[in-house]
C-alpha atoms as a PDB file:
ATOM      1  CA  MET A   1      33.159  50.421 171.000  1.00  0.00           C
ATOM      2  CA  LYS A   2      36.680  49.494 172.018  1.00  0.00           C
ATOM      3  CA  ILE A   3      39.461  51.345 170.244  1.00  0.00           C
ATOM      4  CA  ILE A   4      41.101  48.207 168.848  1.00  0.00           C
ATOM      5  CA  THR A   5      37.729  47.060 167.487  1.00  0.00           C
ATOM      6  CA  GLN A   6      37.206  50.489 165.935  1.00  0.00           C
ATOM      7  CA  ILE A   7      40.582  50.342 164.190  1.00  0.00           C
ATOM      8  CA  ALA A   8      40.053  46.804 162.950  1.00  0.00           C
ATOM      9  CA  ASN A   9      36.515  47.304 161.674  1.00  0.00           C
ATOM     10  CA  ASN A  10      36.103  50.848 160.390  1.00  0.00           C
ATOM     11  CA  ARG A  11      38.379  50.361 157.363  1.00  0.00           C
ATOM     12  CA  GLN A  12      39.337  54.027 157.546  1.00  0.00           C
ATOM     13  CA  ARG A  13      42.686  55.738 157.660  1.00  0.00           C
ATOM     14  CA  ASN A  14      43.198  56.702 161.292  1.00  0.00           C
ATOM     15  CA  LEU A  15      45.617  59.529 162.028  1.00  0.00           C
ATOM     16  CA  ALA A  16      47.202  59.740 165.492  1.00  0.00           C
ATOM     17  CA  VAL A  17      49.233  62.603 166.950  1.00  0.00           C
ATOM     18  CA  LEU A  18      51.979  61.662 169.398  1.00  0.00           C
ATOM     19  CA  ILE A  19      52.565  63.964 172.367  1.00  0.00           C
ATOM     20  CA  ASP A  20      55.798  63.506 174.314  1.00  0.00           C
ATOM     21  CA  PRO A  21      55.221  64.778 177.901  1.00  0.00           C
ATOM     22  CA  ASP A  22      58.922  65.665 178.255  1.00  0.00           C
ATOM     23  CA  LYS A  23      58.533  68.149 175.407  1.00  0.00           C
ATOM     24  CA  ASN A  24      55.226  69.552 176.690  1.00  0.00           C
ATOM     25  CA  LYS A  25      55.780  70.377 180.354  1.00  0.00           C
ATOM     26  CA  ASP A  26      54.347  73.880 180.031  1.00  0.00           C
ATOM     27  CA  ALA A  27      50.582  73.420 180.415  1.00  0.00           C
ATOM     28  CA  ARG A  28      49.753  76.668 178.597  1.00  0.00           C
ATOM     29  CA  LEU A  29      51.750  75.672 175.540  1.00  0.00           C
ATOM     30  CA  LEU A  30      50.252  72.196 175.651  1.00  0.00           C
ATOM     31  CA  VAL A  31      46.732  73.661 175.598  1.00  0.00           C
ATOM     32  CA  LYS A  32      47.655  75.681 172.501  1.00  0.00           C
ATOM     33  CA  LEU A  33      48.986  72.524 170.861  1.00  0.00           C
ATOM     34  CA  LEU A  34      45.754  70.723 171.702  1.00  0.00           C
ATOM     35  CA  GLN A  35      43.771  73.483 170.002  1.00  0.00           C
ATOM     36  CA  LYS A  36      45.718  72.804 166.797  1.00  0.00           C
ATOM     37  CA  ILE A  37      45.221  69.075 167.209  1.00  0.00           C
ATOM     38  CA  ASP A  38      41.473  69.591 167.662  1.00  0.00           C
ATOM     39  CA  ALA A  39      41.412  71.510 164.380  1.00  0.00           C
ATOM     40  CA  LEU A  40      43.130  68.576 162.687  1.00  0.00           C
ATOM     41  CA  LYS A  41      40.599  66.117 164.164  1.00  0.00           C
ATOM     42  CA  PRO A  42      42.823  63.016 164.339  1.00  0.00           C
ATOM     43  CA  ALA A  43      41.341  59.716 165.431  1.00  0.00           C
ATOM     44  CA  PHE A  44      43.647  59.462 168.455  1.00  0.00           C
ATOM     45  CA  ILE A  45      46.185  61.228 170.600  1.00  0.00           C
ATOM     46  CA  PHE A  46      49.092  58.975 171.611  1.00  0.00           C
ATOM     47  CA  VAL A  47      50.962  59.968 174.784  1.00  0.00           C
ATOM     48  CA  GLY A  48      54.347  58.691 175.928  1.00  0.00           C
ATOM     49  CA  GLY A  49      58.114  58.859 175.653  1.00  0.00           C
ATOM     50  CA  SER A  50      61.215  56.824 176.321  1.00  0.00           C
ATOM     51  CA  THR A  51      62.425  58.739 179.387  1.00  0.00           C
ATOM     52  CA  VAL A  52      59.292  60.355 180.865  1.00  0.00           C
ATOM     53  CA  ASP A  53      58.913  60.243 184.657  1.00  0.00           C
ATOM     54  CA  ALA A  54      55.564  59.424 186.260  1.00  0.00           C
ATOM     55  CA  SER A  55      54.845  62.950 187.535  1.00  0.00           C
ATOM     56  CA  THR A  56      55.413  64.602 184.154  1.00  0.00           C
ATOM     57  CA  PHE A  57      53.396  61.901 182.428  1.00  0.00           C
ATOM     58  CA  ASN A  58      50.431  62.213 184.809  1.00  0.00           C
ATOM     59  CA  GLN A  59      50.356  65.988 184.506  1.00  0.00           C
ATOM     60  CA  CYS A  60      50.339  65.734 180.710  1.00  0.00           C
ATOM     61  CA  ILE A  61      47.430  63.261 180.683  1.00  0.00           C
ATOM     62  CA  GLU A  62      45.425  65.470 183.056  1.00  0.00           C
ATOM     63  CA  VAL A  63      45.841  68.533 180.815  1.00  0.00           C
ATOM     64  CA  ILE A  64      44.986  66.618 177.653  1.00  0.00           C
ATOM     65  CA  LYS A  65      41.823  65.054 179.082  1.00  0.00           C
ATOM     66  CA  LYS A  66      40.612  68.431 180.345  1.00  0.00           C
ATOM     67  CA  ASN A  67      41.082  70.135 176.985  1.00  0.00           C
ATOM     68  CA  THR A  68      40.036  67.670 174.283  1.00  0.00           C
ATOM     69  CA  ALA A  69      37.542  64.879 173.683  1.00  0.00           C
ATOM     70  CA  ILE A  70      39.865  63.035 171.271  1.00  0.00           C
ATOM     71  CA  PRO A  71      40.542  59.494 172.581  1.00  0.00           C
ATOM     72  CA  VAL A  72      43.857  59.267 174.431  1.00  0.00           C
ATOM     73  CA  VAL A  73      46.005  56.162 173.932  1.00  0.00           C
ATOM     74  CA  ILE A  74      49.087  55.622 176.086  1.00  0.00           C
ATOM     75  CA  PHE A  75      52.210  54.783 174.099  1.00  0.00           C
ATOM     76  CA  PRO A  76      54.387  53.840 177.081  1.00  0.00           C
ATOM     77  CA  GLY A  77      58.139  53.950 177.361  1.00  0.00           C
ATOM     78  CA  SER A  78      58.116  52.218 180.739  1.00  0.00           C
ATOM     79  CA  HIS A  79      55.821  50.653 183.339  1.00  0.00           C
ATOM     80  CA  ASN A  80      55.290  53.955 185.195  1.00  0.00           C
ATOM     81  CA  GLN A  81      53.461  55.536 182.245  1.00  0.00           C
ATOM     82  CA  ILE A  82      49.925  54.508 183.196  1.00  0.00           C
ATOM     83  CA  HIS A  83      46.926  56.704 183.928  1.00  0.00           C
ATOM     84  CA  GLU A  84      43.342  55.649 184.570  1.00  0.00           C
ATOM     85  CA  LYS A  85      41.904  58.669 182.748  1.00  0.00           C
ATOM     86  CA  ALA A  86      43.353  57.576 179.412  1.00  0.00           C
ATOM     87  CA  ASP A  87      41.110  55.594 177.078  1.00  0.00           C
ATOM     88  CA  ALA A  88      43.537  52.799 176.198  1.00  0.00           C
ATOM     89  CA  ILE A  89      47.139  51.682 176.450  1.00  0.00           C
ATOM     90  CA  LEU A  90      49.285  49.998 173.830  1.00  0.00           C
ATOM     91  CA  PHE A  91      50.742  47.137 175.896  1.00  0.00           C
ATOM     92  CA  LEU A  92      53.973  47.161 173.913  1.00  0.00           C
ATOM     93  CA  SER A  93      56.223  44.144 173.632  1.00  0.00           C
ATOM     94  CA  LEU A  94      59.431  45.018 171.765  1.00  0.00           C
ATOM     95  CA  ILE A  95      59.484  41.814 169.739  1.00  0.00           C
ATOM     96  CA  SER A  96      62.128  43.095 167.319  1.00  0.00           C
ATOM     97  CA  GLY A  97      64.637  43.138 170.192  1.00  0.00           C
ATOM     98  CA  ARG A  98      65.866  40.627 172.736  1.00  0.00           C
ATOM     99  CA  ASN A  99      65.881  42.743 175.893  1.00  0.00           C
ATOM    100  CA  PRO A 100      63.691  40.871 178.414  1.00  0.00           C
ATOM    101  CA  ASP A 101      62.708  44.101 180.181  1.00  0.00           C
ATOM    102  CA  TYR A 102      60.945  45.319 177.037  1.00  0.00           C
ATOM    103  CA  LEU A 103      59.631  41.910 176.006  1.00  0.00           C
ATOM    104  CA  ILE A 104      57.927  41.151 179.355  1.00  0.00           C
ATOM    105  CA  GLY A 105      59.682  42.874 182.282  1.00  0.00           C
ATOM    106  CA  HIS A 106      57.848  46.202 182.274  1.00  0.00           C
ATOM    107  CA  HIS A 107      54.584  44.356 181.646  1.00  0.00           C
ATOM    108  CA  VAL A 108      54.990  42.402 184.891  1.00  0.00           C
ATOM    109  CA  GLU A 109      55.619  45.646 186.788  1.00  0.00           C
ATOM    110  CA  ALA A 110      52.453  47.224 185.354  1.00  0.00           C
ATOM    111  CA  ALA A 111      50.176  44.180 185.370  1.00  0.00           C
ATOM    112  CA  HIS A 112      48.566  44.584 188.780  1.00  0.00           C
ATOM    113  CA  LEU A 113      47.688  48.243 188.209  1.00  0.00           C
ATOM    114  CA  LEU A 114      46.292  47.587 184.742  1.00  0.00           C
ATOM    115  CA  LYS A 115      44.244  44.637 185.969  1.00  0.00           C
ATOM    116  CA  ASN A 116      42.385  46.930 188.357  1.00  0.00           C
ATOM    117  CA  MET A 117      41.794  49.790 185.900  1.00  0.00           C
ATOM    118  CA  LYS A 118      39.059  50.179 183.312  1.00  0.00           C
ATOM    119  CA  LEU A 119      41.729  51.142 180.797  1.00  0.00           C
ATOM    120  CA  GLU A 120      41.501  49.213 177.506  1.00  0.00           C
ATOM    121  CA  VAL A 121      44.701  47.169 177.214  1.00  0.00           C
ATOM    122  CA  ILE A 122      45.840  46.498 173.634  1.00  0.00           C
ATOM    123  CA  PRO A 123      48.595  43.844 173.349  1.00  0.00           C
ATOM    124  CA  THR A 124      50.930  45.283 170.706  1.00  0.00           C
ATOM    125  CA  GLY A 125      53.833  43.693 168.874  1.00  0.00           C
ATOM    126  CA  TYR A 126      56.310  46.567 168.634  1.00  0.00           C
ATOM    127  CA  LEU A 127      58.952  46.489 165.884  1.00  0.00           C
ATOM    128  CA  LEU A 128      61.709  49.081 165.832  1.00  0.00           C
ATOM    129  CA  ILE A 129      62.841  49.787 162.261  1.00  0.00           C
ATOM    130  CA  ASP A 130      66.071  51.543 161.308  1.00  0.00           C
ATOM    131  CA  GLY A 131      65.163  55.139 160.480  1.00  0.00           C
ATOM    132  CA  GLY A 132      68.653  56.323 159.595  1.00  0.00           C
ATOM    133  CA  LYS A 133      69.789  57.487 163.049  1.00  0.00           C
ATOM    134  CA  ASN A 134      69.984  56.135 166.588  1.00  0.00           C
ATOM    135  CA  SER A 135      66.623  56.690 168.249  1.00  0.00           C
ATOM    136  CA  SER A 136      65.859  57.169 171.935  1.00  0.00           C
ATOM    137  CA  VAL A 137      64.017  53.831 171.907  1.00  0.00           C
ATOM    138  CA  GLN A 138      67.108  52.102 170.546  1.00  0.00           C
ATOM    139  CA  TYR A 139      69.328  53.723 173.174  1.00  0.00           C
ATOM    140  CA  VAL A 140      67.045  53.137 176.162  1.00  0.00           C
ATOM    141  CA  SER A 141      66.038  49.583 175.235  1.00  0.00           C
ATOM    142  CA  GLN A 142      69.567  48.641 174.124  1.00  0.00           C
ATOM    143  CA  THR A 143      68.162  46.782 171.120  1.00  0.00           C
ATOM    144  CA  THR A 144      69.116  46.783 167.458  1.00  0.00           C
ATOM    145  CA  PRO A 145      66.442  47.944 164.984  1.00  0.00           C
ATOM    146  CA  ILE A 146      65.473  45.835 162.007  1.00  0.00           C
ATOM    147  CA  PRO A 147      67.342  47.099 158.907  1.00  0.00           C
ATOM    148  CA  ALA A 148      65.038  49.053 156.616  1.00  0.00           C
ATOM    149  CA  ASP A 149      65.792  46.768 153.676  1.00  0.00           C
ATOM    150  CA  GLN A 150      65.095  43.531 155.559  1.00  0.00           C
ATOM    151  CA  GLU A 151      61.388  43.073 154.840  1.00  0.00           C
ATOM    152  CA  SER A 152      61.534  39.330 155.490  1.00  0.00           C
ATOM    153  CA  ILE A 153      62.754  39.850 159.068  1.00  0.00           C
ATOM    154  CA  ALA A 154      59.967  42.357 159.732  1.00  0.00           C
ATOM    155  CA  VAL A 155      57.372  40.011 158.238  1.00  0.00           C
ATOM    156  CA  LYS A 156      58.541  36.978 160.223  1.00  0.00           C
ATOM    157  CA  THR A 157      58.666  39.024 163.420  1.00  0.00           C
ATOM    158  CA  ALA A 158      55.180  40.414 162.847  1.00  0.00           C
ATOM    159  CA  ILE A 159      53.800  36.942 162.126  1.00  0.00           C
ATOM    160  CA  ALA A 160      55.383  35.695 165.354  1.00  0.00           C
ATOM    161  CA  GLY A 161      53.668  38.553 167.197  1.00  0.00           C
ATOM    162  CA  GLU A 162      50.313  37.598 165.720  1.00  0.00           C
ATOM    163  CA  LEU A 163      50.786  33.940 166.648  1.00  0.00           C
ATOM    164  CA  LEU A 164      51.697  34.990 170.194  1.00  0.00           C
ATOM    165  CA  GLY A 165      48.305  36.681 170.484  1.00  0.00           C
ATOM    166  CA  MET A 166      49.103  40.335 169.832  1.00  0.00           C
ATOM    167  CA  LYS A 167      46.124  42.430 168.778  1.00  0.00           C
ATOM    168  CA  THR A 168      48.031  44.943 166.655  1.00  0.00           C
ATOM    169  CA  ILE A 169      51.477  45.452 165.113  1.00  0.00           C
ATOM    170  CA  PHE A 170      53.421  48.725 165.384  1.00  0.00           C
ATOM    171  CA  LEU A 171      56.231  49.490 162.925  1.00  0.00           C
ATOM    172  CA  ASP A 172      58.208  52.441 164.291  1.00  0.00           C
ATOM    173  CA  ALA A 173      61.245  54.189 162.808  1.00  0.00           C
ATOM    174  CA  GLY A 174      61.606  56.103 166.076  1.00  0.00           C
ATOM    175  CA  SER A 175      61.227  59.721 167.095  1.00  0.00           C
ATOM    176  CA  GLY A 176      63.313  62.044 164.946  1.00  0.00           C
ATOM    177  CA  ALA A 177      64.038  59.363 162.352  1.00  0.00           C
ATOM    178  CA  LEU A 178      65.593  60.596 159.133  1.00  0.00           C
ATOM    179  CA  ASN A 179      63.570  58.112 157.091  1.00  0.00           C
ATOM    180  CA  PRO A 180      60.093  56.635 157.590  1.00  0.00           C
ATOM    181  CA  VAL A 181      59.345  52.919 157.512  1.00  0.00           C
ATOM    182  CA  PRO A 182      59.629  51.922 153.813  1.00  0.00           C
ATOM    183  CA  ALA A 183      56.349  51.436 151.959  1.00  0.00           C
ATOM    184  CA  GLN A 184      57.508  48.009 150.752  1.00  0.00           C
ATOM    185  CA  MET A 185      57.957  46.847 154.337  1.00  0.00           C
ATOM    186  CA  ILE A 186      54.533  48.154 155.343  1.00  0.00           C
ATOM    187  CA  GLN A 187      52.959  46.366 152.382  1.00  0.00           C
ATOM    188  CA  ALA A 188      54.736  43.107 153.151  1.00  0.00           C
ATOM    189  CA  VAL A 189      53.749  43.088 156.829  1.00  0.00           C
ATOM    190  CA  LYS A 190      50.153  44.007 156.008  1.00  0.00           C
ATOM    191  CA  LYS A 191      49.931  41.272 153.367  1.00  0.00           C
ATOM    192  CA  ASN A 192      51.227  38.578 155.686  1.00  0.00           C
ATOM    193  CA  THR A 193      49.297  39.395 158.864  1.00  0.00           C
ATOM    194  CA  SER A 194      45.647  39.980 159.662  1.00  0.00           C
ATOM    195  CA  LEU A 195      46.159  42.496 162.485  1.00  0.00           C
ATOM    196  CA  PRO A 196      45.611  46.259 162.433  1.00  0.00           C
ATOM    197  CA  LEU A 197      48.900  47.952 161.537  1.00  0.00           C
ATOM    198  CA  ILE A 198      50.261  51.110 163.186  1.00  0.00           C
ATOM    199  CA  VAL A 199      53.139  52.988 161.539  1.00  0.00           C
ATOM    200  CA  GLY A 200      55.169  55.898 162.910  1.00  0.00           C
ATOM    201  CA  GLY A 201      58.499  57.684 162.897  1.00  0.00           C
ATOM    202  CA  GLY A 202      60.189  59.852 160.279  1.00  0.00           C
ATOM    203  CA  LEU A 203      56.968  61.111 158.693  1.00  0.00           C
ATOM    204  CA  ARG A 204      57.900  64.655 157.696  1.00  0.00           C
ATOM    205  CA  SER A 205      55.310  65.495 155.046  1.00  0.00           C
ATOM    206  CA  ALA A 206      51.716  64.837 154.069  1.00  0.00           C
ATOM    207  CA  ALA A 207      53.114  62.762 151.196  1.00  0.00           C
ATOM    208  CA  ASP A 208      54.893  60.523 153.714  1.00  0.00           C
ATOM    209  CA  VAL A 209      51.646  60.070 155.614  1.00  0.00           C
ATOM    210  CA  GLU A 210      49.698  59.257 152.461  1.00  0.00           C
ATOM    211  CA  ALA A 211      52.386  56.797 151.355  1.00  0.00           C
ATOM    212  CA  ALA A 212      52.093  54.931 154.671  1.00  0.00           C
ATOM    213  CA  PHE A 213      48.315  54.769 154.364  1.00  0.00           C
ATOM    214  CA  ASN A 214      48.504  53.664 150.737  1.00  0.00           C
ATOM    215  CA  ALA A 215      50.928  50.897 151.714  1.00  0.00           C
ATOM    216  CA  GLY A 216      48.419  49.480 154.187  1.00  0.00           C
ATOM    217  CA  ALA A 217      48.792  51.272 157.524  1.00  0.00           C
ATOM    218  CA  ASP A 218      45.573  51.435 159.536  1.00  0.00           C
ATOM    219  CA  VAL A 219      46.952  54.074 161.926  1.00  0.00           C
ATOM    220  CA  VAL A 220      49.692  56.557 161.040  1.00  0.00           C
ATOM    221  CA  VAL A 221      51.383  58.439 163.879  1.00  0.00           C
ATOM    222  CA  VAL A 222      52.808  61.946 163.466  1.00  0.00           C
ATOM    223  CA  GLY A 223      54.706  63.957 166.067  1.00  0.00           C
ATOM    224  CA  ASN A 224      54.953  67.550 167.199  1.00  0.00           C
ATOM    225  CA  LYS A 225      55.863  68.824 163.739  1.00  0.00           C
ATOM    226  CA  ILE A 226      52.262  70.004 163.502  1.00  0.00           C
ATOM    227  CA  GLU A 227      53.148  72.606 166.130  1.00  0.00           C
ATOM    228  CA  GLU A 228      56.398  73.669 164.490  1.00  0.00           C
ATOM    229  CA  ASP A 229      55.192  73.700 160.885  1.00  0.00           C
ATOM    230  CA  MET A 230      51.805  75.243 160.108  1.00  0.00           C
ATOM    231  CA  ASP A 231      52.035  74.146 156.475  1.00  0.00           C
ATOM    232  CA  PHE A 232      52.350  70.525 157.639  1.00  0.00           C
ATOM    233  CA  LEU A 233      49.242  70.948 159.778  1.00  0.00           C
ATOM    234  CA  LEU A 234      47.266  72.378 156.849  1.00  0.00           C
ATOM    235  CA  GLU A 235      48.486  69.614 154.526  1.00  0.00           C
ATOM    236  CA  LEU A 236      47.378  66.967 157.009  1.00  0.00           C
ATOM    237  CA  MET A 237      43.958  68.604 157.228  1.00  0.00           C
ATOM    238  CA  LEU A 238      43.644  68.171 153.466  1.00  0.00           C
ATOM    239  CA  VAL A 239      44.672  64.521 153.765  1.00  0.00           C
ATOM    240  CA  GLN A 240      42.005  64.043 156.443  1.00  0.00           C
ATOM    241  CA  LYS A 241      39.320  65.603 154.250  1.00  0.00           C
ATOM    242  CA  LYS A 242      40.362  63.560 151.247  1.00  0.00           C
ATOM    243  CA  GLN A 243      40.181  60.242 153.033  1.00  0.00           C
ATOM    244  CA  ASN A 244      36.954  60.930 154.908  1.00  0.00           C
END
């Protein structure tokens, strides 16, 4: 079953762990992180970052695929973050911004390679939401995030993404965000679209994760805090048991 079909049809709460290759260049430490992730048993591992070079990215994918059976989904920051051993790629279009490179430019650069791979390509409407600090995505893409209190803008943008043919919507407060995407915004986007909804950024506790799920997120993405904070890892394990 394709990953996007699985997300849309299983009606479960899918947890994803994001691995930034720039922060996991040491293969031995990455293997230890993967052991913790395996204990958590998330639905997916997302891999990518705003400034990752192709060599670092490829090495990271190789280590992950050798050490876990959890499906790997590329969360690309640029067109050079592609690897045929991954299971799928979120083909992100930054529809909350107006930078043509991130609306279609990088897609054109990657199109020929993706066309000839067996990688599942998931067209994704990507919305950057203000998380209380300037994120790397904001800096690199030179786009302005949607204000956290502007639900109507997020809803209209998400609807536009659906009408353009996107297969999923991603609301992201950005790596290191001080605040997660507000529950009211998640609810509003979910209510007004029929696509699977991914939410990430600023999720610092199990309560934050549960709040995102309760608001309607189909996939919630957490970062490397599971490595830094064992209590967070254990709390997420309890969330996983509760929902399954």
